[in-house]
N, C-alpha and C. Protein backbone atom coordinates (compact mmCIF):
# COMPACT_ATOMS: atom_id res chain seq x y z
N MET A 1 105.28 83.29 121.16
CA MET A 1 104.06 82.63 121.59
C MET A 1 102.99 82.73 120.51
N LYS A 2 102.19 81.70 120.37
CA LYS A 2 101.09 81.68 119.43
C LYS A 2 99.82 81.29 120.16
N SER A 3 98.71 81.90 119.81
CA SER A 3 97.43 81.63 120.49
C SER A 3 96.46 80.94 119.55
N ILE A 4 95.63 80.09 120.14
CA ILE A 4 94.61 79.35 119.40
C ILE A 4 93.28 79.49 120.12
N ARG A 5 92.23 79.71 119.38
CA ARG A 5 90.87 79.71 119.92
C ARG A 5 89.98 78.96 118.93
N THR A 6 89.40 77.87 119.37
CA THR A 6 88.62 77.05 118.46
C THR A 6 87.36 76.52 119.15
N LYS A 7 86.37 76.24 118.39
CA LYS A 7 85.07 75.80 118.91
C LYS A 7 85.12 74.32 119.28
N LEU A 8 84.47 73.99 120.39
CA LEU A 8 84.42 72.62 120.86
C LEU A 8 83.14 71.93 120.38
N LYS A 9 83.25 70.66 120.11
CA LYS A 9 82.11 69.84 119.71
C LYS A 9 81.73 68.97 120.90
N LEU A 10 80.68 69.38 121.65
CA LEU A 10 80.34 68.74 122.91
C LEU A 10 78.95 68.11 122.88
N ASN A 11 78.79 67.08 123.68
CA ASN A 11 77.44 66.52 123.88
C ASN A 11 76.82 67.23 125.09
N ASN A 12 75.58 66.91 125.40
CA ASN A 12 74.86 67.60 126.48
C ASN A 12 75.53 67.39 127.85
N LYS A 13 76.04 66.19 128.08
CA LYS A 13 76.70 65.93 129.35
C LYS A 13 77.96 66.78 129.51
N GLN A 14 78.71 66.91 128.43
CA GLN A 14 79.92 67.73 128.48
C GLN A 14 79.59 69.20 128.65
N LYS A 15 78.53 69.65 128.00
CA LYS A 15 78.12 71.05 128.15
C LYS A 15 77.74 71.36 129.60
N THR A 16 77.08 70.41 130.24
CA THR A 16 76.71 70.59 131.64
C THR A 16 77.95 70.68 132.52
N LEU A 17 78.93 69.83 132.25
CA LEU A 17 80.17 69.84 133.02
C LEU A 17 80.92 71.16 132.83
N MET A 18 80.92 71.67 131.61
CA MET A 18 81.57 72.95 131.34
C MET A 18 80.87 74.07 132.10
N ALA A 19 79.55 74.06 132.10
CA ALA A 19 78.79 75.10 132.78
C ALA A 19 79.03 75.05 134.29
N GLN A 20 79.15 73.85 134.84
CA GLN A 20 79.41 73.71 136.28
C GLN A 20 80.76 74.31 136.65
N HIS A 21 81.78 74.04 135.84
CA HIS A 21 83.11 74.58 136.12
C HIS A 21 83.15 76.09 135.93
N ALA A 22 82.45 76.59 134.92
CA ALA A 22 82.40 78.03 134.72
C ALA A 22 81.70 78.71 135.89
N GLY A 23 80.62 78.08 136.40
CA GLY A 23 79.92 78.62 137.56
C GLY A 23 80.79 78.57 138.80
N TYR A 24 81.57 77.51 138.94
CA TYR A 24 82.49 77.38 140.07
C TYR A 24 83.53 78.50 140.05
N SER A 25 84.08 78.75 138.87
CA SER A 25 85.08 79.81 138.73
C SER A 25 84.48 81.17 139.04
N ARG A 26 83.29 81.42 138.53
CA ARG A 26 82.63 82.71 138.76
C ARG A 26 82.30 82.89 140.25
N TRP A 27 81.82 81.85 140.89
CA TRP A 27 81.47 81.90 142.32
C TRP A 27 82.70 82.26 143.16
N CYS A 28 83.82 81.61 142.88
CA CYS A 28 85.04 81.86 143.65
C CYS A 28 85.58 83.27 143.38
N TYR A 29 85.51 83.71 142.14
CA TYR A 29 85.97 85.05 141.80
C TYR A 29 85.16 86.10 142.57
N ASN A 30 83.85 85.95 142.54
CA ASN A 30 82.98 86.91 143.23
C ASN A 30 83.17 86.85 144.75
N TRP A 31 83.35 85.65 145.27
CA TRP A 31 83.60 85.50 146.71
C TRP A 31 84.89 86.22 147.09
N GLY A 32 85.93 86.02 146.29
CA GLY A 32 87.20 86.66 146.56
C GLY A 32 87.13 88.17 146.43
N LEU A 33 86.40 88.65 145.43
CA LEU A 33 86.25 90.09 145.24
C LEU A 33 85.51 90.73 146.42
N SER A 34 84.47 90.06 146.91
CA SER A 34 83.71 90.57 148.04
C SER A 34 84.58 90.67 149.29
N LEU A 35 85.35 89.60 149.55
CA LEU A 35 86.22 89.59 150.73
C LEU A 35 87.35 90.62 150.57
N TRP A 36 87.86 90.78 149.37
CA TRP A 36 88.91 91.76 149.10
C TRP A 36 88.41 93.17 149.43
N ASN A 37 87.18 93.48 148.96
CA ASN A 37 86.63 94.82 149.20
C ASN A 37 86.43 95.08 150.69
N VAL A 38 85.94 94.06 151.43
CA VAL A 38 85.73 94.22 152.87
C VAL A 38 87.07 94.44 153.58
N ALA A 39 88.08 93.64 153.22
CA ALA A 39 89.39 93.76 153.85
C ALA A 39 90.01 95.12 153.56
N ALA A 40 89.84 95.61 152.32
CA ALA A 40 90.41 96.90 151.96
C ALA A 40 89.76 98.03 152.75
N ARG A 41 88.43 97.92 152.96
CA ARG A 41 87.73 98.96 153.73
C ARG A 41 88.18 98.97 155.19
N ASP A 42 88.61 97.80 155.69
CA ASP A 42 89.07 97.71 157.08
C ASP A 42 90.55 98.08 157.22
N GLY A 43 91.15 98.55 156.14
CA GLY A 43 92.54 98.98 156.20
C GLY A 43 93.55 97.87 156.02
N LEU A 44 93.11 96.68 155.63
CA LEU A 44 94.02 95.57 155.41
C LEU A 44 94.54 95.58 153.97
N ARG A 45 95.54 94.75 153.71
CA ARG A 45 96.12 94.67 152.37
C ARG A 45 95.95 93.24 151.84
N PRO A 46 94.82 92.93 151.26
CA PRO A 46 94.57 91.57 150.78
C PRO A 46 95.37 91.27 149.51
N ASN A 47 95.53 90.00 149.24
CA ASN A 47 96.11 89.56 147.97
C ASN A 47 95.50 88.20 147.62
N SER A 48 95.74 87.77 146.41
CA SER A 48 95.10 86.53 145.92
C SER A 48 95.56 85.31 146.70
N ARG A 49 96.81 85.28 147.15
CA ARG A 49 97.31 84.12 147.88
C ARG A 49 96.60 83.96 149.22
N LYS A 50 96.43 85.07 149.96
CA LYS A 50 95.75 85.00 151.25
C LYS A 50 94.29 84.60 151.08
N LEU A 51 93.65 85.14 150.07
CA LEU A 51 92.25 84.77 149.82
C LEU A 51 92.13 83.29 149.52
N ARG A 52 93.05 82.75 148.73
CA ARG A 52 92.99 81.33 148.38
C ARG A 52 93.17 80.46 149.62
N GLU A 53 94.04 80.87 150.52
CA GLU A 53 94.26 80.10 151.75
C GLU A 53 93.01 80.09 152.62
N VAL A 54 92.36 81.23 152.75
CA VAL A 54 91.13 81.30 153.55
C VAL A 54 90.04 80.44 152.93
N PHE A 55 89.94 80.52 151.61
CA PHE A 55 88.91 79.74 150.91
C PHE A 55 89.16 78.24 151.08
N THR A 56 90.41 77.82 150.88
CA THR A 56 90.74 76.39 150.95
C THR A 56 90.51 75.81 152.34
N ASN A 57 90.89 76.56 153.36
CA ASN A 57 90.83 76.03 154.72
C ASN A 57 89.49 76.23 155.43
N HIS A 58 88.74 77.25 155.05
CA HIS A 58 87.54 77.57 155.81
C HIS A 58 86.24 77.58 155.00
N THR A 59 86.31 77.94 153.75
CA THR A 59 85.07 78.09 152.97
C THR A 59 84.75 76.86 152.14
N LYS A 60 85.71 76.34 151.43
CA LYS A 60 85.48 75.19 150.56
C LYS A 60 84.89 73.99 151.29
N PRO A 61 85.34 73.65 152.50
CA PRO A 61 84.76 72.50 153.21
C PRO A 61 83.27 72.63 153.48
N LEU A 62 82.72 73.83 153.41
CA LEU A 62 81.30 74.05 153.67
C LEU A 62 80.42 73.73 152.46
N TYR A 63 81.02 73.50 151.29
CA TYR A 63 80.27 73.27 150.06
C TYR A 63 80.71 71.95 149.43
N PRO A 64 80.04 70.86 149.76
CA PRO A 64 80.42 69.53 149.26
C PRO A 64 80.44 69.43 147.73
N TRP A 65 79.59 70.18 147.05
CA TRP A 65 79.52 70.07 145.59
C TRP A 65 80.82 70.49 144.92
N MET A 66 81.63 71.28 145.61
CA MET A 66 82.90 71.73 145.04
C MET A 66 83.89 70.59 144.89
N LYS A 67 83.74 69.54 145.70
CA LYS A 67 84.65 68.41 145.63
C LYS A 67 84.51 67.64 144.32
N LYS A 68 83.39 67.81 143.65
CA LYS A 68 83.14 67.09 142.40
C LYS A 68 83.75 67.80 141.19
N LEU A 69 84.30 68.99 141.42
CA LEU A 69 84.87 69.77 140.33
C LEU A 69 86.37 69.96 140.54
N SER A 70 87.06 70.33 139.50
CA SER A 70 88.51 70.46 139.56
C SER A 70 88.93 71.61 140.48
N SER A 71 89.87 71.32 141.38
CA SER A 71 90.36 72.35 142.28
C SER A 71 91.22 73.38 141.56
N ARG A 72 91.72 73.04 140.37
CA ARG A 72 92.53 73.99 139.61
C ARG A 72 91.71 75.20 139.18
N VAL A 73 90.40 75.00 139.04
CA VAL A 73 89.53 76.07 138.56
C VAL A 73 89.47 77.20 139.57
N TYR A 74 89.25 76.89 140.86
CA TYR A 74 89.13 77.97 141.84
C TYR A 74 90.47 78.65 142.08
N GLN A 75 91.56 77.90 141.92
CA GLN A 75 92.87 78.52 142.10
C GLN A 75 93.15 79.56 141.02
N TYR A 76 92.77 79.24 139.79
CA TYR A 76 92.94 80.23 138.72
C TYR A 76 91.98 81.39 138.87
N ALA A 77 90.84 81.17 139.49
CA ALA A 77 89.90 82.27 139.72
C ALA A 77 90.55 83.33 140.61
N PHE A 78 91.25 82.89 141.64
CA PHE A 78 91.94 83.83 142.53
C PHE A 78 93.15 84.47 141.84
N ILE A 79 93.84 83.70 141.02
CA ILE A 79 94.97 84.26 140.26
C ILE A 79 94.49 85.37 139.33
N ASN A 80 93.39 85.11 138.63
CA ASN A 80 92.83 86.11 137.72
C ASN A 80 92.36 87.35 138.47
N LEU A 81 91.80 87.15 139.68
CA LEU A 81 91.37 88.28 140.48
C LEU A 81 92.58 89.13 140.89
N GLY A 82 93.65 88.48 141.30
CA GLY A 82 94.86 89.21 141.68
C GLY A 82 95.45 89.98 140.51
N GLU A 83 95.44 89.39 139.31
CA GLU A 83 95.97 90.07 138.13
C GLU A 83 95.08 91.25 137.74
N ALA A 84 93.76 91.11 137.94
CA ALA A 84 92.84 92.21 137.64
C ALA A 84 93.11 93.41 138.54
N PHE A 85 93.33 93.16 139.83
CA PHE A 85 93.65 94.25 140.75
C PHE A 85 95.02 94.85 140.43
N LYS A 86 95.96 94.03 140.00
CA LYS A 86 97.29 94.53 139.64
C LYS A 86 97.19 95.50 138.48
N ARG A 87 96.41 95.15 137.47
CA ARG A 87 96.21 96.06 136.33
C ARG A 87 95.52 97.35 136.76
N PHE A 88 94.58 97.21 137.71
CA PHE A 88 93.86 98.38 138.22
C PHE A 88 94.81 99.33 138.94
N PHE A 89 95.64 98.80 139.80
CA PHE A 89 96.58 99.62 140.58
C PHE A 89 97.63 100.26 139.67
N GLN A 90 97.94 99.62 138.55
CA GLN A 90 98.92 100.17 137.61
C GLN A 90 98.29 101.15 136.62
N GLY A 91 96.98 101.34 136.74
CA GLY A 91 96.30 102.25 135.84
C GLY A 91 96.06 101.69 134.45
N LEU A 92 96.11 100.37 134.34
CA LEU A 92 95.93 99.73 133.04
C LEU A 92 94.53 99.17 132.83
N GLY A 93 93.68 99.28 133.84
CA GLY A 93 92.32 98.74 133.71
C GLY A 93 91.42 99.29 134.80
N LYS A 94 90.13 98.95 134.68
CA LYS A 94 89.16 99.42 135.66
C LYS A 94 89.20 98.52 136.89
N ARG A 95 88.58 99.01 137.96
CA ARG A 95 88.50 98.21 139.19
C ARG A 95 87.68 96.96 138.92
N PRO A 96 88.12 95.81 139.39
CA PRO A 96 87.40 94.55 139.15
C PRO A 96 85.95 94.62 139.61
N ARG A 97 85.07 94.03 138.80
CA ARG A 97 83.64 94.00 139.10
C ARG A 97 83.19 92.55 139.25
N PHE A 98 82.03 92.38 139.87
CA PHE A 98 81.48 91.05 140.04
C PHE A 98 81.04 90.48 138.69
N LYS A 99 81.30 89.21 138.51
CA LYS A 99 80.95 88.55 137.27
C LYS A 99 79.50 88.07 137.30
N LYS A 100 78.87 88.10 136.13
CA LYS A 100 77.47 87.70 136.01
C LYS A 100 77.34 86.47 135.12
N LYS A 101 76.40 85.62 135.48
CA LYS A 101 76.14 84.42 134.69
C LYS A 101 75.63 84.82 133.31
N GLY A 102 76.15 84.18 132.29
CA GLY A 102 75.76 84.50 130.92
C GLY A 102 76.69 85.48 130.26
N LYS A 103 77.44 86.26 131.07
CA LYS A 103 78.40 87.21 130.53
C LYS A 103 79.83 86.81 130.84
N SER A 104 79.99 86.08 131.91
CA SER A 104 81.33 85.65 132.34
C SER A 104 81.33 84.16 132.59
N ASP A 105 81.13 83.40 131.54
CA ASP A 105 81.10 81.94 131.65
C ASP A 105 82.41 81.38 131.11
N SER A 106 83.39 81.27 131.97
CA SER A 106 84.69 80.75 131.55
C SER A 106 85.45 80.20 132.75
N PHE A 107 86.43 79.37 132.48
CA PHE A 107 87.29 78.85 133.53
C PHE A 107 88.62 78.42 132.91
N THR A 108 89.64 78.39 133.75
CA THR A 108 90.98 77.98 133.31
C THR A 108 91.39 76.74 134.07
N ILE A 109 92.07 75.86 133.40
CA ILE A 109 92.47 74.59 134.00
C ILE A 109 93.86 74.21 133.49
N ASP A 110 94.60 73.46 134.30
CA ASP A 110 95.91 72.98 133.87
C ASP A 110 96.09 71.53 134.28
N ASN A 111 97.31 71.03 134.14
CA ASN A 111 97.58 69.62 134.43
C ASN A 111 98.56 69.50 135.59
N CYS A 112 98.40 70.37 136.59
CA CYS A 112 99.24 70.34 137.80
C CYS A 112 100.73 70.41 137.47
N GLY A 113 101.08 71.32 136.57
CA GLY A 113 102.49 71.51 136.23
C GLY A 113 102.97 70.71 135.04
N LYS A 114 102.23 69.68 134.66
CA LYS A 114 102.61 68.86 133.52
C LYS A 114 102.04 69.48 132.23
N PRO A 115 102.73 69.32 131.11
CA PRO A 115 102.21 69.89 129.86
C PRO A 115 100.97 69.16 129.37
N ILE A 116 100.14 69.88 128.67
CA ILE A 116 98.94 69.31 128.07
C ILE A 116 99.20 69.15 126.58
N GLU A 117 99.09 67.92 126.09
CA GLU A 117 99.35 67.64 124.69
C GLU A 117 98.03 67.61 123.91
N LEU A 118 97.97 68.39 122.85
CA LEU A 118 96.80 68.41 121.98
C LEU A 118 97.23 67.94 120.59
N ASN A 119 96.65 66.85 120.15
CA ASN A 119 97.02 66.27 118.87
C ASN A 119 95.79 65.80 118.11
N GLY A 120 95.54 66.40 116.97
CA GLY A 120 94.44 65.97 116.13
C GLY A 120 93.11 66.61 116.47
N TRP A 121 92.05 65.80 116.42
CA TRP A 121 90.68 66.28 116.61
C TRP A 121 90.14 65.97 118.00
N ASN A 122 90.70 64.97 118.66
CA ASN A 122 90.25 64.57 119.99
C ASN A 122 91.33 64.90 121.01
N HIS A 123 90.94 65.51 122.12
CA HIS A 123 91.92 65.98 123.09
C HIS A 123 91.48 65.61 124.51
N LYS A 124 92.43 65.19 125.31
CA LYS A 124 92.14 64.85 126.69
C LYS A 124 92.49 66.03 127.59
N ILE A 125 91.45 66.65 128.15
CA ILE A 125 91.62 67.80 129.01
C ILE A 125 91.64 67.32 130.47
N PRO A 126 92.58 67.77 131.28
CA PRO A 126 92.64 67.34 132.68
C PRO A 126 91.30 67.50 133.39
N PHE A 127 90.87 66.47 134.06
CA PHE A 127 89.63 66.39 134.83
C PHE A 127 88.38 66.39 133.93
N ILE A 128 88.39 67.14 132.86
CA ILE A 128 87.23 67.22 131.97
C ILE A 128 87.06 65.95 131.17
N GLY A 129 88.17 65.39 130.69
CA GLY A 129 88.11 64.19 129.87
C GLY A 129 88.30 64.52 128.40
N TRP A 130 87.84 63.60 127.54
CA TRP A 130 88.04 63.75 126.10
C TRP A 130 87.01 64.70 125.50
N VAL A 131 87.49 65.61 124.68
CA VAL A 131 86.62 66.54 123.96
C VAL A 131 87.05 66.59 122.50
N LYS A 132 86.14 67.02 121.65
CA LYS A 132 86.43 67.12 120.23
C LYS A 132 86.41 68.58 119.78
N THR A 133 87.22 68.88 118.78
CA THR A 133 87.23 70.21 118.19
C THR A 133 86.82 70.10 116.72
N TYR A 134 86.37 71.23 116.17
CA TYR A 134 85.94 71.25 114.78
C TYR A 134 87.10 71.37 113.80
N GLU A 135 88.30 71.57 114.34
CA GLU A 135 89.49 71.64 113.51
C GLU A 135 90.64 70.99 114.27
N PRO A 136 91.59 70.40 113.56
CA PRO A 136 92.71 69.72 114.25
C PRO A 136 93.64 70.73 114.91
N ILE A 137 94.21 70.32 116.04
CA ILE A 137 95.15 71.15 116.79
C ILE A 137 96.40 70.34 117.09
N GLU A 138 97.55 70.93 116.88
CA GLU A 138 98.83 70.32 117.25
C GLU A 138 99.57 71.33 118.12
N ALA A 139 99.54 71.14 119.44
CA ALA A 139 100.18 72.10 120.33
C ALA A 139 100.42 71.48 121.70
N THR A 140 101.39 72.03 122.39
CA THR A 140 101.67 71.66 123.77
C THR A 140 101.58 72.92 124.62
N THR A 141 100.75 72.90 125.66
CA THR A 141 100.52 74.09 126.45
C THR A 141 100.51 73.75 127.93
N GLN A 142 100.58 74.78 128.77
CA GLN A 142 100.57 74.58 130.22
C GLN A 142 99.19 74.75 130.83
N LYS A 143 98.32 75.50 130.16
CA LYS A 143 96.96 75.71 130.68
C LYS A 143 96.00 75.97 129.55
N ILE A 144 94.73 75.76 129.84
CA ILE A 144 93.67 75.92 128.84
C ILE A 144 92.53 76.71 129.45
N THR A 145 91.98 77.62 128.69
CA THR A 145 90.79 78.36 129.11
C THR A 145 89.61 77.96 128.23
N ILE A 146 88.50 77.64 128.87
CA ILE A 146 87.28 77.25 128.16
C ILE A 146 86.21 78.28 128.48
N SER A 147 85.57 78.81 127.46
CA SER A 147 84.58 79.87 127.64
C SER A 147 83.36 79.62 126.77
N ARG A 148 82.25 80.24 127.17
CA ARG A 148 81.00 80.11 126.41
C ARG A 148 80.65 81.43 125.76
N GLN A 149 80.25 81.35 124.51
CA GLN A 149 79.83 82.53 123.77
C GLN A 149 78.65 82.16 122.88
N ALA A 150 77.54 82.86 123.10
CA ALA A 150 76.32 82.63 122.30
C ALA A 150 75.92 81.15 122.30
N GLY A 151 76.07 80.49 123.43
CA GLY A 151 75.63 79.10 123.56
C GLY A 151 76.65 78.06 123.15
N ASP A 152 77.75 78.49 122.56
CA ASP A 152 78.80 77.56 122.14
C ASP A 152 80.02 77.69 123.05
N TRP A 153 80.73 76.57 123.19
CA TRP A 153 81.91 76.55 124.05
C TRP A 153 83.18 76.56 123.20
N TYR A 154 84.17 77.33 123.65
CA TYR A 154 85.41 77.49 122.91
C TYR A 154 86.61 77.17 123.80
N LEU A 155 87.64 76.66 123.17
CA LEU A 155 88.88 76.34 123.84
C LEU A 155 89.95 77.34 123.40
N SER A 156 90.65 77.91 124.37
CA SER A 156 91.70 78.89 124.07
C SER A 156 92.99 78.48 124.76
N LEU A 157 94.10 78.71 124.09
CA LEU A 157 95.39 78.36 124.68
C LEU A 157 96.50 79.14 123.99
N SER A 158 97.63 79.22 124.65
CA SER A 158 98.84 79.81 124.08
C SER A 158 99.95 78.78 124.18
N TYR A 159 100.80 78.76 123.18
CA TYR A 159 101.90 77.81 123.20
C TYR A 159 103.10 78.40 122.47
N GLU A 160 104.27 77.87 122.82
CA GLU A 160 105.49 78.32 122.18
C GLU A 160 105.73 77.52 120.90
N PHE A 161 106.18 78.20 119.89
CA PHE A 161 106.53 77.51 118.67
C PHE A 161 107.84 78.08 118.15
N SER A 162 108.64 77.25 117.53
CA SER A 162 109.93 77.68 117.02
C SER A 162 110.02 77.40 115.54
N THR A 163 110.66 78.27 114.85
CA THR A 163 110.87 78.10 113.42
C THR A 163 112.36 77.95 113.17
N THR A 164 112.71 77.01 112.30
CA THR A 164 114.11 76.79 111.96
C THR A 164 114.48 77.65 110.77
N PRO A 165 115.29 78.68 110.99
CA PRO A 165 115.62 79.57 109.87
C PRO A 165 116.43 78.85 108.81
N THR A 166 116.15 79.15 107.57
CA THR A 166 116.88 78.58 106.45
C THR A 166 118.19 79.33 106.28
N PRO A 167 119.31 78.65 106.39
CA PRO A 167 120.59 79.36 106.26
C PRO A 167 120.76 79.95 104.87
N LYS A 168 121.19 81.18 104.85
CA LYS A 168 121.40 81.87 103.58
C LYS A 168 122.87 81.70 103.16
N THR A 169 123.06 81.22 101.96
CA THR A 169 124.41 81.05 101.45
C THR A 169 124.66 82.08 100.36
N ILE A 170 125.78 82.75 100.48
CA ILE A 170 126.15 83.75 99.50
C ILE A 170 127.46 83.32 98.85
N ASP A 171 127.40 83.07 97.55
CA ASP A 171 128.60 82.69 96.81
C ASP A 171 129.37 83.94 96.43
N VAL A 172 130.63 83.98 96.83
CA VAL A 172 131.49 85.11 96.52
C VAL A 172 132.39 84.72 95.35
N VAL A 173 132.36 85.50 94.28
CA VAL A 173 133.14 85.23 93.08
C VAL A 173 134.05 86.42 92.81
N GLY A 174 135.34 86.14 92.64
CA GLY A 174 136.29 87.20 92.32
C GLY A 174 136.25 87.54 90.85
N VAL A 175 136.46 88.80 90.51
CA VAL A 175 136.43 89.28 89.13
C VAL A 175 137.75 89.98 88.83
N ASP A 176 138.41 89.55 87.72
CA ASP A 176 139.67 90.16 87.30
C ASP A 176 139.45 90.80 85.94
N LEU A 177 139.48 92.13 85.90
CA LEU A 177 139.32 92.86 84.65
C LEU A 177 140.66 92.92 83.93
N GLY A 178 140.66 92.52 82.64
CA GLY A 178 141.91 92.49 81.91
C GLY A 178 141.87 93.32 80.64
N VAL A 179 142.97 93.20 79.89
CA VAL A 179 143.09 93.94 78.62
C VAL A 179 142.66 93.07 77.45
N LYS A 180 143.19 91.85 77.43
CA LYS A 180 142.86 90.94 76.34
C LYS A 180 141.45 90.38 76.47
N THR A 181 141.01 90.23 77.71
CA THR A 181 139.65 89.75 77.96
C THR A 181 138.89 90.81 78.74
N LEU A 182 137.56 90.79 78.61
CA LEU A 182 136.75 91.75 79.35
C LEU A 182 136.82 91.48 80.84
N ALA A 183 136.67 90.20 81.23
CA ALA A 183 136.73 89.84 82.65
C ALA A 183 136.98 88.35 82.78
N THR A 184 137.69 87.99 83.87
CA THR A 184 137.94 86.59 84.18
C THR A 184 137.49 86.35 85.62
N LEU A 185 136.58 85.40 85.82
CA LEU A 185 136.06 85.10 87.15
C LEU A 185 136.95 84.09 87.84
N SER A 186 136.85 84.08 89.20
CA SER A 186 137.63 83.12 89.97
C SER A 186 137.18 81.69 89.72
N THR A 187 136.00 81.53 89.14
CA THR A 187 135.52 80.19 88.79
C THR A 187 136.14 79.67 87.50
N GLY A 188 136.86 80.55 86.80
CA GLY A 188 137.49 80.14 85.55
C GLY A 188 136.76 80.62 84.32
N GLN A 189 135.56 81.13 84.49
CA GLN A 189 134.79 81.60 83.34
C GLN A 189 135.40 82.90 82.80
N VAL A 190 135.54 82.96 81.46
CA VAL A 190 136.17 84.10 80.80
C VAL A 190 135.15 84.81 79.92
N PHE A 191 135.11 86.13 80.05
CA PHE A 191 134.26 86.95 79.19
C PHE A 191 135.17 87.69 78.22
N PRO A 192 135.04 87.43 76.90
CA PRO A 192 135.94 88.05 75.92
C PRO A 192 135.77 89.56 75.87
N SER A 193 136.82 90.23 75.44
CA SER A 193 136.79 91.68 75.32
C SER A 193 135.83 92.09 74.21
N ILE A 194 135.24 93.25 74.35
CA ILE A 194 134.28 93.73 73.36
C ILE A 194 134.99 94.13 72.06
N LYS A 195 136.21 94.69 72.18
CA LYS A 195 136.92 95.20 70.99
C LYS A 195 137.24 94.09 70.00
N PRO A 196 137.89 92.95 70.43
CA PRO A 196 138.15 91.87 69.47
C PRO A 196 136.86 91.32 68.86
N TYR A 197 135.80 91.32 69.65
CA TYR A 197 134.54 90.82 69.11
C TYR A 197 134.05 91.71 67.97
N ARG A 198 134.14 93.01 68.19
CA ARG A 198 133.71 93.94 67.13
C ARG A 198 134.62 93.84 65.91
N THR A 199 135.92 93.64 66.13
CA THR A 199 136.87 93.48 65.02
C THR A 199 136.51 92.26 64.18
N ALA A 200 136.19 91.16 64.88
CA ALA A 200 135.82 89.93 64.16
C ALA A 200 134.55 90.13 63.36
N GLN A 201 133.61 90.88 63.93
CA GLN A 201 132.36 91.14 63.22
C GLN A 201 132.61 91.98 61.96
N ASP A 202 133.51 92.95 62.06
CA ASP A 202 133.85 93.78 60.90
C ASP A 202 134.53 92.95 59.81
N GLN A 203 135.40 92.03 60.26
CA GLN A 203 136.10 91.17 59.31
C GLN A 203 135.11 90.27 58.57
N LEU A 204 134.14 89.73 59.28
CA LEU A 204 133.12 88.88 58.64
C LEU A 204 132.33 89.68 57.62
N ALA A 205 131.96 90.90 57.99
CA ALA A 205 131.20 91.75 57.07
C ALA A 205 132.00 92.04 55.81
N LYS A 206 133.33 92.26 55.97
CA LYS A 206 134.21 92.54 54.82
C LYS A 206 134.28 91.34 53.89
N LEU A 207 134.46 90.13 54.47
CA LEU A 207 134.53 88.91 53.67
C LEU A 207 133.22 88.63 52.95
N GLN A 208 132.11 88.94 53.62
CA GLN A 208 130.81 88.73 52.97
C GLN A 208 130.64 89.66 51.76
N ARG A 209 131.13 90.89 51.89
CA ARG A 209 131.06 91.83 50.75
C ARG A 209 131.94 91.35 49.60
N GLN A 210 133.13 90.84 49.94
CA GLN A 210 134.03 90.34 48.89
C GLN A 210 133.42 89.14 48.18
N LEU A 211 132.74 88.27 48.96
CA LEU A 211 132.12 87.09 48.36
C LEU A 211 131.00 87.49 47.41
N SER A 212 130.27 88.53 47.77
CA SER A 212 129.16 88.96 46.92
C SER A 212 129.63 89.51 45.57
N ARG A 213 130.92 89.92 45.47
CA ARG A 213 131.44 90.48 44.22
C ARG A 213 132.02 89.40 43.30
N LYS A 214 132.23 88.21 43.84
CA LYS A 214 132.81 87.13 43.05
C LYS A 214 131.75 86.48 42.16
N VAL A 215 132.27 85.89 41.05
CA VAL A 215 131.39 85.14 40.15
C VAL A 215 131.07 83.82 40.83
N LYS A 216 129.80 83.53 40.96
CA LYS A 216 129.37 82.34 41.69
C LYS A 216 129.95 81.08 41.07
N HIS A 217 130.52 80.21 41.94
CA HIS A 217 131.11 78.92 41.60
C HIS A 217 132.44 79.06 40.85
N SER A 218 132.99 80.25 40.80
CA SER A 218 134.32 80.41 40.22
C SER A 218 135.36 80.05 41.26
N ASN A 219 136.67 79.96 40.79
CA ASN A 219 137.73 79.61 41.75
C ASN A 219 137.85 80.65 42.84
N ASN A 220 137.82 81.95 42.45
CA ASN A 220 137.91 83.01 43.45
C ASN A 220 136.71 82.99 44.41
N TRP A 221 135.57 82.59 43.88
CA TRP A 221 134.36 82.51 44.73
C TRP A 221 134.51 81.42 45.79
N HIS A 222 135.04 80.25 45.35
CA HIS A 222 135.25 79.14 46.30
C HIS A 222 136.28 79.53 47.37
N LYS A 223 137.38 80.26 46.95
CA LYS A 223 138.37 80.69 47.92
C LYS A 223 137.74 81.65 48.95
N ALA A 224 136.86 82.53 48.48
CA ALA A 224 136.22 83.49 49.37
C ALA A 224 135.28 82.79 50.35
N VAL A 225 134.61 81.74 49.88
CA VAL A 225 133.72 80.98 50.75
C VAL A 225 134.50 80.33 51.89
N ILE A 226 135.70 79.75 51.53
CA ILE A 226 136.53 79.09 52.55
C ILE A 226 137.00 80.11 53.58
N LYS A 227 137.48 81.28 53.12
CA LYS A 227 137.94 82.32 54.05
C LYS A 227 136.81 82.76 55.00
N LEU A 228 135.60 82.92 54.46
CA LEU A 228 134.46 83.34 55.26
C LEU A 228 134.10 82.30 56.32
N ALA A 229 134.16 81.01 55.94
CA ALA A 229 133.82 79.94 56.89
C ALA A 229 134.84 79.90 58.01
N ILE A 230 136.16 80.06 57.69
CA ILE A 230 137.20 80.03 58.72
C ILE A 230 137.05 81.20 59.65
N ALA A 231 136.76 82.39 59.09
CA ALA A 231 136.61 83.58 59.92
C ALA A 231 135.40 83.46 60.86
N ALA A 232 134.30 82.89 60.33
CA ALA A 232 133.10 82.74 61.15
C ALA A 232 133.34 81.78 62.30
N GLN A 233 134.08 80.69 62.06
CA GLN A 233 134.37 79.71 63.10
C GLN A 233 135.30 80.30 64.14
N THR A 234 136.25 81.12 63.75
CA THR A 234 137.19 81.72 64.68
C THR A 234 136.52 82.74 65.60
N SER A 235 135.56 83.47 65.06
CA SER A 235 134.90 84.52 65.84
C SER A 235 133.81 84.00 66.76
N SER A 236 133.39 82.76 66.57
CA SER A 236 132.27 82.24 67.37
C SER A 236 132.75 81.79 68.74
């Protein structure tokens, strides 16, 4: 999984819509936390699913303004509350506290089970509509969290990504060590033995010394030159 968090480029109308959804999420979270605490004191065993059912059937109809906002927001508010209590009971976190405006301005939204495609600089968020980011994004995710920090709104998401490993090829070459040759590879390449090479070098040195003793341009000198040229060609 890979995570992305990037700043949103919003107009005033969009900022207002974001703030309304964040307030909706915070309101539902606090409502659920209050009811959870009361139920726990009465010896009951509340959970996020039961709270959501009570809210949907009895509380939400009392607030008409909630119909203008995405219902996915309040559902995730209860899911987050349930996960917070789960961490608390497991000793992994503190007991959930009431959220405050200005400190807990965020909400989560999805596409009712369908993937959300983000491509480029402009993105269509379910119910929210088109929004712009300051950097391009290429990802497919199941849900998106939008939060406010220091007056700016940010988009956060996690998505799966796969990398295609480059196959590693290892060439295996056989080596045959011999007497006449130093080594012969299975590819056919031959490495000459060091001893014959040294012998040829000694022979060349001997012929060069003999040539240096001859009278230049004499018959013996010309014969020595020919012998040296043949020996040099043979040893190369």
